Amino acid sequence: MSPFSTKTNAASPAPADPRLELLLWENALESTSQVPTILLVDPADINRRLIKGILKTSDYRILEAARPLSALMILEIEKVDVVLVDLSIPEMSAHEFCRVLKNNTVTQLIPIIMTTSFLNAENEIAGIDSGADDFLVKPLRPELVRARVRSMLRNKALTDSLEQAETILFALAQSVEHRDPSTGVHCERLAAYSLALGQTLGRSKHDQQALYRGGYLHDIGKITIPDAILFKSGHLSEQDWEIMRQHTIRGEEICRPLKSLAPVLPIIRSHHERWDGSGYPDGLRGEEIPLLARILQVVDIYDALTTARPYKPAFSHDQAIAILRDEAKRGWRDPDLVQLFAQTFEDLGATSLGTTSLTRPNPASPAGNLPMQSSLENMRRAITR
């Protein structure tokens, strides 16, 4: 572990206004790079002072809050690596405080250590259920406190590295989209359409997360396709098509090392399969094609049809649905899914997704003119919390 510089602050009584409490820690914002940040949440000043004394042997940046509401305000503006919360905090129970953190996408991966003077099976079960990752029983043993904090920091560092890897992959996926300005916010639209259809089908939150990610990552393999083929204005030769078809396999290979993306892999690999088995890369037929891949496929085709491209105008909603139904009759698409999508999309204008309704796109606009950003964000929050 690399050395860090200690950033602790002199203790002072908790002010009446929790917002004022934040001001006491403004000086803790200095030189924060590479320094693990620990947030102490405890109503007793002496307890916070004791833990700071125990941790001073390592170089940590320590923030303090006497009340959970103050802690939540700190977490809104600070990057915290570990939270130590006492079971006896006021305003809300420590278990409720843990649940708030674990239900928020920004803070859900922060390890939480709960401190208590008395730990029985009932308290331990309640703490684990609420999201606490570890427990420390008073009187605190300095060696144990330091060991638990180090362990939580190691876990957080691993989690952060995985998050960074995912972020890089999403950036790569979006770079593929941005190479073709005619596609507009294609990934965002696919995420919104897929979520709407997945929710109509009653898919689990886990599947909805996969659909959301699949909207962005399904074509990430195209980053390996030469521009001469990817943006060829004329018809692709058979050799060109052979290379183009590889993007599903390449995309799966790019994302496979991240276990967190395992649910998305079938979407990436199979979203070009056809109901009659004439698709690629595996020639899957009917329900052999993973359902989430079929969902993404239907919305991907719909978006391509209703968006203006250099080689075609934007079709209207009715035209796009008619084409999808025709392709279902030919045996290319799941007919039940196409019908459900048509019904679902007809209802979207009157159905609130989050707080904002999705409305039908305007085919006159190159990007579809779909006012979905608020709806997409609401849905994203709903499935990732």
Protein backbone atom coordinates (compact mmCIF):
# COMPACT_ATOMS: atom_id res chain seq x y z
CA MET A 1 0.00 0.00 0.00
CA SER A 2 1.44 3.35 -0.98
CA PRO A 3 2.05 5.93 1.73
CA PHE A 4 -0.48 8.69 2.31
CA SER A 5 -0.42 11.94 4.23
CA THR A 6 -2.61 12.24 7.30
CA LYS A 7 -5.53 14.64 7.02
CA THR A 8 -7.32 14.83 10.36
CA ASN A 9 -8.96 17.82 11.95
CA ALA A 10 -9.32 19.08 15.46
CA ALA A 11 -12.59 17.99 17.02
CA SER A 12 -15.23 20.58 17.79
CA PRO A 13 -18.82 20.44 19.06
CA ALA A 14 -21.45 19.73 16.44
CA PRO A 15 -23.14 22.97 15.36
CA ALA A 16 -26.91 23.23 15.45
CA ASP A 17 -27.21 23.66 11.71
CA PRO A 18 -25.87 20.56 9.88
CA ARG A 19 -24.91 22.72 6.90
CA LEU A 20 -22.56 24.67 9.16
CA GLU A 21 -20.97 21.38 10.10
CA LEU A 22 -19.92 20.95 6.50
CA LEU A 23 -18.02 24.22 6.61
CA LEU A 24 -15.86 22.90 9.44
CA TRP A 25 -14.38 20.38 7.03
CA GLU A 26 -13.61 22.59 4.07
CA ASN A 27 -9.94 22.49 4.98
CA ALA A 28 -10.04 18.70 4.60
CA LEU A 29 -10.39 19.18 0.83
CA GLU A 30 -6.69 19.99 0.52
CA SER A 31 -4.42 17.49 -1.25
CA THR A 32 -7.04 14.77 -1.45
CA SER A 33 -5.58 12.79 -4.36
CA GLN A 34 -4.63 9.19 -3.49
CA VAL A 35 -5.59 9.68 0.16
CA PRO A 36 -8.23 7.23 1.46
CA THR A 37 -11.12 9.15 2.97
CA ILE A 38 -12.92 7.83 6.04
CA LEU A 39 -16.18 9.30 7.31
CA LEU A 40 -16.95 8.95 11.02
CA VAL A 41 -20.63 9.21 11.95
CA ASP A 42 -21.06 9.32 15.70
CA PRO A 43 -22.94 11.74 17.99
CA ALA A 44 -20.22 11.58 20.66
CA ASP A 45 -17.22 13.81 20.07
CA ILE A 46 -15.06 11.65 22.34
CA ASN A 47 -15.81 8.56 20.25
CA ARG A 48 -14.80 10.29 17.04
CA ARG A 49 -11.65 11.58 18.72
CA LEU A 50 -10.78 8.06 19.88
CA ILE A 51 -11.14 6.53 16.41
CA LYS A 52 -9.09 9.36 14.88
CA GLY A 53 -6.37 8.61 17.41
CA ILE A 54 -6.43 4.91 16.54
CA LEU A 55 -6.19 5.64 12.80
CA LYS A 56 -3.50 8.29 13.02
CA THR A 57 -0.81 5.62 12.57
CA SER A 58 -1.83 5.52 8.89
CA ASP A 59 -2.26 8.41 6.51
CA TYR A 60 -6.01 8.82 6.13
CA ARG A 61 -8.18 11.81 5.41
CA ILE A 62 -10.88 11.78 8.09
CA LEU A 63 -14.23 13.56 7.91
CA GLU A 64 -16.68 13.71 10.79
CA ALA A 65 -20.41 14.04 11.26
CA ALA A 66 -22.33 14.04 14.52
CA ARG A 67 -25.63 13.26 12.82
CA PRO A 68 -26.65 11.16 9.80
CA LEU A 69 -28.19 14.10 7.92
CA SER A 70 -24.85 15.89 8.11
CA ALA A 71 -23.14 12.73 6.91
CA LEU A 72 -25.47 12.49 3.93
CA MET A 73 -24.66 16.09 3.01
CA ILE A 74 -20.95 15.30 3.16
CA LEU A 75 -21.46 12.25 0.96
CA GLU A 76 -23.13 14.43 -1.66
CA ILE A 77 -19.96 16.45 -2.20
CA GLU A 78 -17.15 14.13 -1.07
CA LYS A 79 -15.65 10.90 -2.38
CA VAL A 80 -15.63 8.66 0.67
CA ASP A 81 -13.92 5.25 0.79
CA VAL A 82 -15.15 3.86 4.13
CA VAL A 83 -17.91 4.88 6.54
CA LEU A 84 -17.79 4.10 10.27
CA VAL A 85 -21.23 4.64 11.81
CA ASP A 86 -22.24 4.18 15.43
CA LEU A 87 -25.38 2.19 16.16
CA SER A 88 -26.67 4.95 18.46
CA ILE A 89 -26.86 7.84 15.96
CA PRO A 90 -29.85 10.21 16.35
CA GLU A 91 -32.43 11.39 13.76
CA MET A 92 -32.59 8.01 12.03
CA SER A 93 -31.46 4.56 13.04
CA ALA A 94 -28.06 3.33 11.95
CA HIS A 95 -29.83 0.58 10.00
CA GLU A 96 -31.92 3.14 8.13
CA PHE A 97 -28.79 5.17 7.43
CA CYS A 98 -27.12 2.07 5.95
CA ARG A 99 -30.13 1.38 3.77
CA VAL A 100 -30.09 4.96 2.45
CA LEU A 101 -26.45 4.57 1.41
CA LYS A 102 -26.91 1.12 -0.13
CA ASN A 103 -29.98 2.24 -2.10
CA ASN A 104 -28.17 5.18 -3.68
CA THR A 105 -26.12 4.45 -6.81
CA VAL A 106 -23.50 7.01 -5.78
CA THR A 107 -22.85 5.52 -2.33
CA GLN A 108 -23.97 1.90 -2.58
CA LEU A 109 -20.44 0.53 -3.02
CA ILE A 110 -18.93 2.35 -0.03
CA PRO A 111 -18.05 -0.18 2.72
CA ILE A 112 -19.82 0.48 6.01
CA ILE A 113 -18.42 -0.53 9.41
CA MET A 114 -20.93 -0.34 12.25
CA THR A 115 -19.66 0.34 15.78
CA THR A 116 -21.69 -0.68 18.83
CA SER A 117 -21.36 -1.28 22.55
CA PHE A 118 -23.43 -4.44 22.36
CA LEU A 119 -23.64 -6.87 19.47
CA ASN A 120 -26.01 -9.80 19.66
CA ALA A 121 -27.38 -12.01 16.90
CA GLU A 122 -30.45 -9.81 16.43
CA ASN A 123 -28.41 -6.62 16.00
CA GLU A 124 -25.92 -8.34 13.72
CA ILE A 125 -28.64 -9.75 11.45
CA ALA A 126 -30.39 -6.36 11.30
CA GLY A 127 -27.10 -4.68 10.47
CA ILE A 128 -26.24 -7.14 7.72
CA ASP A 129 -29.74 -6.87 6.25
CA SER A 130 -29.45 -3.08 6.17
CA GLY A 131 -26.12 -3.18 4.34
CA ALA A 132 -23.41 -3.02 7.01
CA ASP A 133 -20.26 -4.75 5.82
CA ASP A 134 -18.54 -5.26 9.16
CA PHE A 135 -18.88 -4.62 12.91
CA LEU A 136 -16.66 -3.31 15.69
CA VAL A 137 -17.64 -3.86 19.32
CA LYS A 138 -16.68 -1.36 22.02
CA PRO A 139 -14.35 -1.03 23.79
CA LEU A 140 -12.50 -0.74 20.52
CA ARG A 141 -9.25 -2.65 20.07
CA PRO A 142 -6.89 -0.41 18.06
CA GLU A 143 -5.26 -3.27 16.12
CA LEU A 144 -8.64 -4.67 15.12
CA VAL A 145 -9.99 -1.24 14.06
CA ARG A 146 -6.97 -0.64 11.86
CA ALA A 147 -7.15 -4.15 10.36
CA ARG A 148 -10.88 -3.82 9.56
CA VAL A 149 -10.40 -0.41 7.95
CA ARG A 150 -7.48 -1.70 5.85
CA SER A 151 -9.58 -4.66 4.73
CA MET A 152 -12.49 -2.43 3.71
CA LEU A 153 -10.13 -0.10 1.85
CA ARG A 154 -8.68 -3.03 -0.10
CA ASN A 155 -12.18 -4.12 -1.10
CA LYS A 156 -13.10 -0.57 -2.10
CA ALA A 157 -9.94 -0.25 -4.22
CA LEU A 158 -10.85 -3.44 -6.10
CA THR A 159 -14.39 -2.19 -6.63
CA ASP A 160 -13.14 1.16 -7.89
CA SER A 161 -10.83 -0.55 -10.37
CA LEU A 162 -13.78 -2.56 -11.74
CA GLU A 163 -15.88 0.59 -12.01
CA GLN A 164 -13.09 2.30 -13.90
CA ALA A 165 -12.83 -0.64 -16.29
CA GLU A 166 -16.58 -0.50 -16.93
CA THR A 167 -16.39 3.24 -17.48
CA ILE A 168 -13.67 2.76 -20.08
CA LEU A 169 -15.76 0.15 -21.91
CA PHE A 170 -18.80 2.42 -21.97
CA ALA A 171 -16.65 5.26 -23.27
CA LEU A 172 -15.33 2.98 -26.02
CA ALA A 173 -18.87 1.95 -26.91
CA GLN A 174 -19.98 5.55 -27.18
CA SER A 175 -16.93 6.37 -29.26
CA VAL A 176 -18.21 3.86 -31.82
CA GLU A 177 -21.51 5.73 -31.95
CA HIS A 178 -19.84 9.13 -32.18
CA ARG A 179 -17.85 8.00 -35.21
CA ASP A 180 -21.15 8.06 -37.12
CA PRO A 181 -22.90 11.42 -36.55
CA SER A 182 -26.04 10.21 -38.34
CA THR A 183 -26.96 7.87 -35.49
CA GLY A 184 -27.58 10.71 -33.00
CA VAL A 185 -28.11 9.47 -29.43
CA HIS A 186 -28.65 5.92 -30.64
CA CYS A 187 -27.44 4.22 -27.46
CA GLU A 188 -29.65 6.36 -25.23
CA ARG A 189 -32.69 5.59 -27.36
CA LEU A 190 -31.99 1.87 -27.34
CA ALA A 191 -31.59 1.93 -23.56
CA ALA A 192 -34.94 3.71 -23.19
CA TYR A 193 -36.83 1.47 -25.64
CA SER A 194 -35.30 -1.71 -24.19
CA LEU A 195 -36.16 -0.72 -20.65
CA ALA A 196 -39.73 0.10 -21.60
CA LEU A 197 -40.19 -3.27 -23.29
CA GLY A 198 -38.39 -5.13 -20.50
CA GLN A 199 -40.63 -3.52 -17.91
CA THR A 200 -43.72 -4.41 -19.95
CA LEU A 201 -42.56 -8.02 -19.94
CA GLY A 202 -42.09 -7.84 -16.17
CA ARG A 203 -38.40 -8.64 -16.35
CA SER A 204 -36.39 -8.53 -13.15
CA LYS A 205 -34.34 -5.56 -12.08
CA HIS A 206 -31.26 -7.63 -12.94
CA ASP A 207 -32.49 -8.08 -16.53
CA GLN A 208 -33.43 -4.42 -16.80
CA GLN A 209 -29.89 -3.47 -15.82
CA ALA A 210 -28.57 -5.79 -18.51
CA LEU A 211 -30.89 -4.21 -21.10
CA TYR A 212 -29.78 -0.73 -20.09
CA ARG A 213 -26.11 -1.69 -20.42
CA GLY A 214 -26.79 -3.64 -23.59
CA GLY A 215 -28.18 -0.50 -25.19
CA TYR A 216 -24.72 1.01 -24.91
CA LEU A 217 -22.48 -2.03 -25.33
CA HIS A 218 -24.22 -4.13 -27.99
CA ASP A 219 -22.09 -2.75 -30.85
CA ILE A 220 -18.83 -2.19 -28.96
CA GLY A 221 -17.20 -4.82 -31.19
CA LYS A 222 -17.49 -2.40 -34.12
CA ILE A 223 -14.49 -0.60 -32.72
CA THR A 224 -12.46 -3.42 -34.31
CA ILE A 225 -14.07 -2.97 -37.76
CA PRO A 226 -12.07 -0.86 -40.26
CA ASP A 227 -13.66 2.47 -41.18
CA ALA A 228 -13.48 1.51 -44.85
CA ILE A 229 -16.04 -1.20 -44.13
CA LEU A 230 -17.99 0.41 -41.31
CA PHE A 231 -18.71 3.58 -43.30
CA LYS A 232 -18.75 2.17 -46.81
CA SER A 233 -21.37 4.04 -48.83
CA GLY A 234 -22.09 1.26 -51.31
CA HIS A 235 -23.04 -2.37 -50.83
CA LEU A 236 -20.70 -4.50 -48.76
CA SER A 237 -18.97 -7.37 -50.49
CA GLU A 238 -19.26 -10.88 -49.06
CA GLN A 239 -15.75 -10.47 -47.65
CA ASP A 240 -16.77 -7.16 -46.06
CA TRP A 241 -19.83 -8.79 -44.53
CA GLU A 242 -17.70 -11.59 -43.12
CA ILE A 243 -15.60 -8.99 -41.30
CA MET A 244 -18.65 -6.97 -40.21
CA ARG A 245 -20.35 -10.04 -38.73
CA GLN A 246 -17.37 -10.50 -36.45
CA HIS A 247 -18.32 -7.44 -34.39
CA THR A 248 -20.70 -9.46 -32.21
CA ILE A 249 -17.99 -11.97 -31.32
CA ARG A 250 -15.37 -9.25 -30.85
CA GLY A 251 -17.73 -7.30 -28.60
CA GLU A 252 -18.32 -10.33 -26.42
CA GLU A 253 -14.57 -10.91 -26.18
CA ILE A 254 -13.97 -7.29 -25.15
CA CYS A 255 -16.56 -7.41 -22.34
CA ARG A 256 -16.08 -11.00 -21.13
CA PRO A 257 -13.20 -10.29 -18.69
CA LEU A 258 -15.53 -8.18 -16.53
CA LYS A 259 -17.75 -10.57 -14.57
CA SER A 260 -20.17 -7.75 -13.82
CA LEU A 261 -21.00 -7.63 -17.54
CA ALA A 262 -21.79 -11.36 -17.81
CA PRO A 263 -25.58 -10.72 -18.14
CA VAL A 264 -24.89 -8.42 -21.10
CA LEU A 265 -22.78 -10.89 -23.09
CA PRO A 266 -25.76 -12.76 -24.65
CA ILE A 267 -27.15 -9.41 -25.84
CA ILE A 268 -23.85 -8.42 -27.43
CA ARG A 269 -23.30 -11.79 -29.12
CA SER A 270 -26.84 -12.64 -30.23
CA HIS A 271 -28.61 -9.40 -31.15
CA HIS A 272 -28.20 -10.21 -34.89
CA GLU A 273 -29.64 -13.72 -34.69
CA ARG A 274 -32.92 -14.34 -36.54
CA TRP A 275 -36.02 -16.18 -35.43
CA ASP A 276 -35.73 -18.62 -38.37
CA GLY A 277 -32.05 -19.37 -37.70
CA SER A 278 -30.67 -17.34 -40.61
CA GLY A 279 -28.89 -14.79 -38.42
CA TYR A 280 -25.35 -14.64 -37.03
CA PRO A 281 -22.97 -15.52 -35.48
CA ASP A 282 -24.37 -18.88 -34.28
CA GLY A 283 -27.47 -19.44 -36.38
CA LEU A 284 -29.69 -19.69 -33.30
CA ARG A 285 -33.38 -20.31 -33.92
CA GLY A 286 -36.55 -19.23 -32.08
CA GLU A 287 -36.28 -19.28 -28.31
CA GLU A 288 -32.69 -20.47 -28.55
CA ILE A 289 -31.98 -16.77 -29.02
CA PRO A 290 -31.70 -15.19 -25.53
CA LEU A 291 -34.79 -13.11 -24.73
CA LEU A 292 -32.79 -10.00 -23.83
CA ALA A 293 -31.00 -10.19 -27.18
CA ARG A 294 -34.38 -10.43 -28.95
CA ILE A 295 -35.63 -7.38 -27.06
CA LEU A 296 -32.57 -5.35 -28.02
CA GLN A 297 -32.82 -6.54 -31.61
CA VAL A 298 -36.41 -5.35 -32.05
CA VAL A 299 -35.72 -1.90 -30.61
CA ASP A 300 -32.44 -1.63 -32.54
CA ILE A 301 -34.24 -2.23 -35.83
CA TYR A 302 -37.05 0.16 -34.88
CA ASP A 303 -34.56 2.91 -34.06
CA ALA A 304 -32.66 2.35 -37.31
CA LEU A 305 -35.91 2.61 -39.26
CA THR A 306 -37.17 5.77 -37.55
CA THR A 307 -33.82 7.57 -37.72
CA ALA A 308 -32.54 9.31 -40.87
CA ARG A 309 -29.32 7.80 -42.18
CA PRO A 310 -27.15 8.80 -45.17
CA TYR A 311 -28.60 5.90 -47.16
CA LYS A 312 -32.28 6.32 -46.16
CA PRO A 313 -34.83 8.78 -44.78
CA ALA A 314 -36.43 8.39 -41.37
CA PHE A 315 -39.57 6.28 -41.55
CA SER A 316 -42.66 7.11 -39.52
CA HIS A 317 -43.64 5.05 -36.50
CA ASP A 318 -46.40 3.30 -38.45
CA GLN A 319 -44.06 2.51 -41.34
CA ALA A 320 -41.43 1.11 -38.96
CA ILE A 321 -43.97 -1.08 -37.17
CA ALA A 322 -45.28 -2.32 -40.52
CA ILE A 323 -41.73 -3.27 -41.59
CA LEU A 324 -41.10 -5.06 -38.28
CA ARG A 325 -44.33 -7.01 -38.67
CA ASP A 326 -43.40 -7.94 -42.23
CA GLU A 327 -40.00 -9.17 -41.05
CA ALA A 328 -41.75 -11.22 -38.36
CA LYS A 329 -43.92 -12.84 -41.07
CA ARG A 330 -40.76 -13.64 -43.03
CA GLY A 331 -39.46 -15.46 -39.98
CA TRP A 332 -36.74 -13.00 -39.04
CA ARG A 333 -38.15 -11.61 -35.79
CA ASP A 334 -39.98 -12.94 -32.75
CA PRO A 335 -43.61 -12.23 -33.78
CA ASP A 336 -44.94 -12.03 -30.22
CA LEU A 337 -42.20 -9.59 -29.23
CA VAL A 338 -42.81 -7.40 -32.27
CA GLN A 339 -46.53 -7.26 -31.46
CA LEU A 340 -45.83 -6.46 -27.81
CA PHE A 341 -43.40 -3.72 -28.79
CA ALA A 342 -45.99 -2.16 -31.11
CA GLN A 343 -48.57 -2.16 -28.32
CA THR A 344 -46.10 -0.92 -25.71
CA PHE A 345 -44.88 1.94 -27.84
CA GLU A 346 -48.44 3.03 -28.62
CA ASP A 347 -49.00 3.32 -24.87
CA LEU A 348 -45.78 5.19 -24.08
CA GLY A 349 -47.23 8.61 -24.77
CA ALA A 350 -49.71 8.13 -21.94
CA THR A 351 -47.50 6.15 -19.60
CA SER A 352 -45.25 7.90 -17.12
CA LEU A 353 -41.81 6.36 -16.83
CA GLY A 354 -40.45 7.92 -13.70
CA THR A 355 -41.69 11.51 -13.72
CA THR A 356 -41.51 12.28 -17.44
CA SER A 357 -43.36 10.56 -20.28
CA LEU A 358 -41.67 9.17 -23.32
CA THR A 359 -43.31 10.50 -26.45
CA ARG A 360 -43.19 9.23 -29.99
CA PRO A 361 -40.18 10.43 -32.02
CA ASN A 362 -40.52 12.98 -34.76
CA PRO A 363 -39.21 11.28 -37.94
CA ALA A 364 -38.51 14.68 -39.50
CA SER A 365 -35.62 15.11 -37.09
CA PRO A 366 -32.32 13.35 -37.91
CA ALA A 367 -31.96 12.19 -34.32
CA GLY A 368 -35.61 11.27 -33.88
CA ASN A 369 -36.29 14.31 -31.65
CA LEU A 370 -37.20 12.05 -28.74
CA PRO A 371 -37.48 14.05 -25.48
CA MET A 372 -36.34 11.12 -23.41
CA GLN A 373 -33.38 12.29 -21.38
CA SER A 374 -35.33 12.83 -18.15
CA SER A 375 -37.23 9.58 -18.61
CA LEU A 376 -34.05 7.66 -19.31
CA GLU A 377 -32.36 9.08 -16.24
CA ASN A 378 -35.38 8.24 -14.08
CA MET A 379 -35.42 4.69 -15.40
CA ARG A 380 -31.66 4.35 -14.96
CA ARG A 381 -31.95 5.40 -11.34
CA ALA A 382 -34.87 3.04 -10.78
CA ILE A 383 -33.01 -0.03 -12.04
CA THR A 384 -29.62 0.75 -10.54
CA ARG A 385 -30.79 1.45 -7.02
